[in-house]
């Protein structure tokens, strides 16, 4: 009888461990760079650990790590498929230290949005409701109040959109062969605006015709420097997709 009772205890313990492990099932996905999957750690630069609530597999937490195990980001989704919807806290880390913390509801900022200085001091304390900014404060590295500024400012062409249109209209040269063949359309060119405003990694993402593509690349390559983007007061790189329209006049 004692032996049977002991066996029952062991079986119950194993069952409880199994139930606990099933509460959040996890998968590990390896990346050689953001967005590019690889099959093993050997060729990876970072990895994601995905936790799914077994009671509701659409409730998912994703922990993103650098290959050395340093935590980079935490994201929460609900639902997770077919389209990921941010729901709950998002955290970003720098060197393993919390740098940013936001709250989301249905893919929109909703609630507090905080950022931190490298010394852990609060840098920004904003409040959003359903994606709309309500109020905010910014602080210096010592904790003193400072003038509030936008968290993110997009890169821009000097003089704004009108100046960009004028640059394209003034400098576009319709390739004779493309004109003779009545080729026209919108060539979409992607490029990176670096921290000093110069343009790099210029390539066509939507091709229309080789000659039109080449002219679109030339236009972008010869552009003056842009006003770079900022994020939380720091200069950052930003990619941009510019449609260059080629239209024949009747």
Protein backbone atom coordinates (compact mmCIF):
# COMPACT_ATOMS: atom_id res chain seq x y z
CA UNK A 1 0.00 0.00 0.00
CA UNK A 2 2.81 2.41 0.90
CA UNK A 3 4.56 1.62 -2.38
CA UNK A 4 1.39 2.33 -4.37
CA UNK A 5 0.89 5.59 -2.49
CA UNK A 6 4.49 6.64 -3.20
CA UNK A 7 4.07 5.85 -6.92
CA UNK A 8 0.90 7.92 -6.97
CA UNK A 9 2.76 10.87 -5.39
CA UNK A 10 5.51 10.65 -8.04
CA UNK A 11 2.95 10.47 -10.86
CA UNK A 12 1.11 13.52 -9.49
CA UNK A 13 4.39 15.47 -9.23
CA UNK A 14 5.28 14.63 -12.84
CA UNK A 15 1.79 15.63 -13.95
CA UNK A 16 2.05 18.99 -12.15
CA UNK A 17 5.44 19.70 -13.72
CA UNK A 18 3.99 18.90 -17.13
CA UNK A 19 1.02 21.21 -16.59
CA UNK A 20 3.34 24.01 -15.42
CA UNK A 21 5.56 23.63 -18.48
CA UNK A 22 2.52 23.73 -20.75
CA UNK A 23 1.21 27.01 -19.29
CA UNK A 24 3.54 28.87 -21.67
CA UNK A 25 4.97 26.88 -24.57
CA UNK A 26 8.06 28.44 -26.13
CA UNK A 27 9.89 28.40 -29.44
CA UNK A 28 13.28 29.83 -30.40
CA UNK A 29 13.84 31.47 -33.79
CA UNK A 30 17.31 32.42 -35.07
CA UNK A 31 18.15 35.43 -37.26
CA UNK A 32 21.31 36.38 -39.14
CA UNK A 33 19.96 39.95 -39.17
CA UNK A 34 16.53 41.48 -38.43
CA UNK A 35 13.93 39.77 -40.57
CA UNK A 36 16.24 37.11 -42.07
CA UNK A 37 15.66 33.65 -40.62
CA UNK A 38 18.38 31.02 -40.30
CA UNK A 39 18.08 27.43 -39.16
CA UNK A 40 20.63 27.35 -36.34
CA UNK A 41 22.58 29.41 -33.84
CA UNK A 42 25.84 28.90 -35.78
CA UNK A 43 25.01 31.56 -38.40
CA UNK A 44 22.79 33.75 -36.21
CA UNK A 45 23.35 37.27 -34.89
CA UNK A 46 20.28 37.35 -32.67
CA UNK A 47 17.33 35.20 -31.63
CA UNK A 48 13.73 35.44 -30.49
CA UNK A 49 12.11 33.34 -27.79
CA UNK A 50 8.35 33.15 -28.35
CA UNK A 51 6.05 32.29 -25.45
CA UNK A 52 2.46 31.23 -26.20
CA UNK A 53 -0.21 31.00 -23.53
CA UNK A 54 -1.56 27.46 -23.85
CA UNK A 55 -4.96 28.59 -22.59
CA UNK A 56 -5.12 31.08 -25.47
CA UNK A 57 -2.40 30.63 -28.10
CA UNK A 58 -3.19 34.02 -29.61
CA UNK A 59 -1.73 35.61 -26.47
CA UNK A 60 2.00 35.78 -27.20
CA UNK A 61 5.09 37.33 -25.66
CA UNK A 62 8.23 37.72 -27.78
CA UNK A 63 11.62 38.23 -26.13
CA UNK A 64 14.36 39.38 -28.52
CA UNK A 65 18.00 38.74 -27.64
CA UNK A 66 21.42 39.44 -29.10
CA UNK A 67 23.41 36.29 -29.79
CA UNK A 68 25.36 36.69 -26.51
CA UNK A 69 22.07 36.45 -24.58
CA UNK A 70 21.69 40.20 -23.91
CA UNK A 71 18.00 41.11 -23.80
CA UNK A 72 17.08 43.61 -26.54
CA UNK A 73 13.28 43.87 -26.63
CA UNK A 74 10.08 42.49 -25.11
CA UNK A 75 6.84 42.64 -27.09
CA UNK A 76 3.33 41.41 -26.28
CA UNK A 77 0.73 40.54 -28.90
CA UNK A 78 -2.97 39.69 -28.92
CA UNK A 79 -3.89 38.28 -31.34
CA UNK A 80 -0.70 36.92 -32.92
CA UNK A 81 -2.00 35.46 -36.20
CA UNK A 82 -2.80 36.11 -38.96
CA UNK A 83 -1.72 39.69 -38.21
CA UNK A 84 0.26 40.60 -35.10
CA UNK A 85 -1.48 43.18 -32.90
CA UNK A 86 0.53 44.87 -30.15
CA UNK A 87 -1.33 44.55 -26.87
CA UNK A 88 0.27 45.32 -23.52
CA UNK A 89 3.78 46.38 -22.65
CA UNK A 90 6.68 46.93 -25.05
CA UNK A 91 10.17 47.26 -23.58
CA UNK A 92 13.45 48.08 -25.29
CA UNK A 93 16.83 47.56 -23.65
CA UNK A 94 20.27 48.99 -24.35
CA UNK A 95 23.23 47.03 -23.06
CA UNK A 96 20.79 44.97 -21.00
CA UNK A 97 19.39 48.07 -19.27
CA UNK A 98 15.82 49.30 -19.71
CA UNK A 99 15.82 52.21 -22.19
CA UNK A 100 12.18 52.50 -23.20
CA UNK A 101 8.79 51.28 -22.01
CA UNK A 102 5.48 51.76 -23.83
CA UNK A 103 1.95 50.46 -23.44
CA UNK A 104 -0.21 49.43 -26.38
CA UNK A 105 -3.87 48.61 -26.96
CA UNK A 106 -4.83 47.26 -30.37
CA UNK A 107 -1.60 48.46 -32.02
CA UNK A 108 -2.00 51.99 -30.65
CA UNK A 109 -0.06 53.70 -27.91
CA UNK A 110 -2.36 53.72 -24.90
CA UNK A 111 -1.11 54.73 -21.47
CA UNK A 112 2.38 55.62 -20.34
CA UNK A 113 5.37 55.94 -22.66
CA UNK A 114 8.67 56.30 -20.83
CA UNK A 115 12.30 56.50 -21.87
CA UNK A 116 15.42 56.48 -19.70
CA UNK A 117 18.92 57.94 -19.72
CA UNK A 118 21.94 55.63 -19.67
CA UNK A 119 22.22 56.17 -15.90
CA UNK A 120 18.64 54.90 -15.40
CA UNK A 121 17.21 58.38 -14.82
CA UNK A 122 13.78 59.01 -16.35
CA UNK A 123 14.19 60.95 -19.62
CA UNK A 124 10.62 61.14 -20.94
CA UNK A 125 7.20 60.57 -19.37
CA UNK A 126 4.42 60.84 -21.98
CA UNK A 127 0.78 59.78 -21.88
CA UNK A 128 -1.31 58.54 -24.80
CA UNK A 129 -4.93 57.57 -25.22
CA UNK A 130 -5.88 55.41 -28.21
CA UNK A 131 -2.86 56.59 -30.17
CA UNK A 132 -3.33 60.27 -29.39
CA UNK A 133 -0.71 62.19 -27.43
CA UNK A 134 -2.26 63.73 -24.31
CA UNK A 135 0.58 65.15 -22.25
CA UNK A 136 4.26 64.73 -21.55
CA UNK A 137 7.37 65.82 -19.72
CA UNK A 138 11.07 65.54 -20.49
CA UNK A 139 13.95 65.48 -18.00
CA UNK A 140 17.67 66.10 -18.09
CA UNK A 141 20.19 63.44 -17.19
CA UNK A 142 20.28 64.75 -13.59
CA UNK A 143 16.47 64.59 -13.28
CA UNK A 144 15.65 68.28 -13.73
CA UNK A 145 12.67 69.29 -15.89
CA UNK A 146 13.52 70.42 -19.39
CA UNK A 147 11.60 71.57 -22.47
CA UNK A 148 9.39 68.83 -23.90
CA UNK A 149 10.16 67.70 -27.45
CA UNK A 150 8.69 65.14 -29.83
CA UNK A 151 9.92 61.60 -29.38
CA UNK A 152 10.36 61.03 -33.08
CA UNK A 153 10.94 63.49 -35.91
CA UNK A 154 11.02 62.22 -39.49
CA UNK A 155 13.84 63.08 -41.86
CA UNK A 156 12.91 65.76 -44.39
CA UNK A 157 14.12 67.28 -47.62
CA UNK A 158 15.51 70.83 -47.17
CA UNK A 159 12.61 73.23 -47.70
CA UNK A 160 9.97 70.52 -47.34
CA UNK A 161 7.79 68.58 -49.76
CA UNK A 162 7.32 71.47 -52.18
CA UNK A 163 11.08 71.87 -52.57
CA UNK A 164 11.41 68.14 -53.18
CA UNK A 165 8.78 68.28 -55.94
CA UNK A 166 10.57 71.23 -57.54
CA UNK A 167 13.89 69.38 -57.43
CA UNK A 168 12.39 66.37 -59.20
CA UNK A 169 10.59 68.48 -61.83
CA UNK A 170 13.67 70.60 -62.52
CA UNK A 171 16.19 67.77 -62.72
CA UNK A 172 14.30 64.83 -64.21
CA UNK A 173 15.52 63.94 -67.70
CA UNK A 174 13.19 61.59 -69.54
CA UNK A 175 15.34 58.86 -71.17
CA UNK A 176 14.94 59.14 -74.99
CA UNK A 177 14.58 55.37 -75.55
CA UNK A 178 11.94 55.09 -72.83
CA UNK A 179 10.09 58.05 -74.35
CA UNK A 180 10.26 56.51 -77.83
CA UNK A 181 8.74 53.30 -76.47
CA UNK A 182 6.17 55.31 -74.48
CA UNK A 183 7.32 53.87 -71.18
CA UNK A 184 5.86 55.60 -68.16
CA UNK A 185 4.97 54.91 -64.55
CA UNK A 186 6.12 55.43 -60.96
CA UNK A 187 9.54 54.10 -59.99
CA UNK A 188 9.79 53.62 -56.21
CA UNK A 189 13.31 54.18 -54.89
CA UNK A 190 14.34 53.23 -51.36
CA UNK A 191 17.30 54.80 -49.58
CA UNK A 192 18.69 55.39 -46.12
CA UNK A 193 19.04 58.92 -44.75
CA UNK A 194 22.04 58.75 -42.44
CA UNK A 195 22.70 60.73 -39.28
CA UNK A 196 24.55 63.43 -41.25
CA UNK A 197 21.78 63.70 -43.87
CA UNK A 198 23.61 61.94 -46.70
CA UNK A 199 21.87 59.17 -48.68
CA UNK A 200 23.04 55.57 -48.78
CA UNK A 201 21.80 52.11 -49.86
CA UNK A 202 19.89 53.49 -52.84
CA UNK A 203 17.95 50.89 -54.84
CA UNK A 204 14.72 50.41 -56.78
CA UNK A 205 11.91 48.54 -55.01
CA UNK A 206 9.34 48.92 -57.79
CA UNK A 207 10.79 48.74 -61.30
CA UNK A 208 9.00 50.13 -64.36
CA UNK A 209 11.67 50.11 -67.08
CA UNK A 210 15.49 49.82 -66.91
CA UNK A 211 16.02 53.30 -68.38
CA UNK A 212 13.44 54.91 -66.07
CA UNK A 213 14.91 53.03 -63.10
CA UNK A 214 18.38 54.32 -63.95
CA UNK A 215 17.16 57.90 -64.17
CA UNK A 216 15.31 57.61 -60.84
CA UNK A 217 18.50 56.33 -59.19
CA UNK A 218 20.47 59.23 -60.70
CA UNK A 219 17.98 61.78 -59.35
CA UNK A 220 18.20 60.40 -55.83
CA UNK A 221 21.98 59.99 -55.93
CA UNK A 222 22.46 63.66 -56.84
CA UNK A 223 20.11 65.04 -54.20
CA UNK A 224 21.48 67.44 -51.58
CA UNK A 225 21.72 66.22 -48.01
CA UNK A 226 18.45 65.79 -46.13
CA UNK A 227 17.65 66.99 -42.60
CA UNK A 228 18.21 63.78 -40.60
CA UNK A 229 15.66 62.08 -38.37
CA UNK A 230 15.80 62.22 -34.58
CA UNK A 231 14.54 59.80 -31.95
CA UNK A 232 14.25 60.99 -28.37
CA UNK A 233 16.57 63.87 -29.24
CA UNK A 234 19.25 61.68 -30.85
CA UNK A 235 20.15 61.60 -34.54
CA UNK A 236 19.20 58.28 -36.16
CA UNK A 237 19.28 56.66 -39.58
CA UNK A 238 15.96 56.39 -41.39
CA UNK A 239 14.94 54.65 -44.59
CA UNK A 240 12.63 56.36 -47.06
CA UNK A 241 10.77 55.27 -50.20
CA UNK A 242 10.40 57.96 -52.85
CA UNK A 243 8.09 57.56 -55.88
CA UNK A 244 9.62 59.13 -58.99
CA UNK A 245 6.83 59.61 -61.52
CA UNK A 246 7.48 59.47 -65.27
CA UNK A 247 4.48 60.64 -67.28
CA UNK A 248 4.36 61.46 -70.98
CA UNK A 249 2.41 64.53 -71.96
CA UNK A 250 -0.11 64.23 -74.77
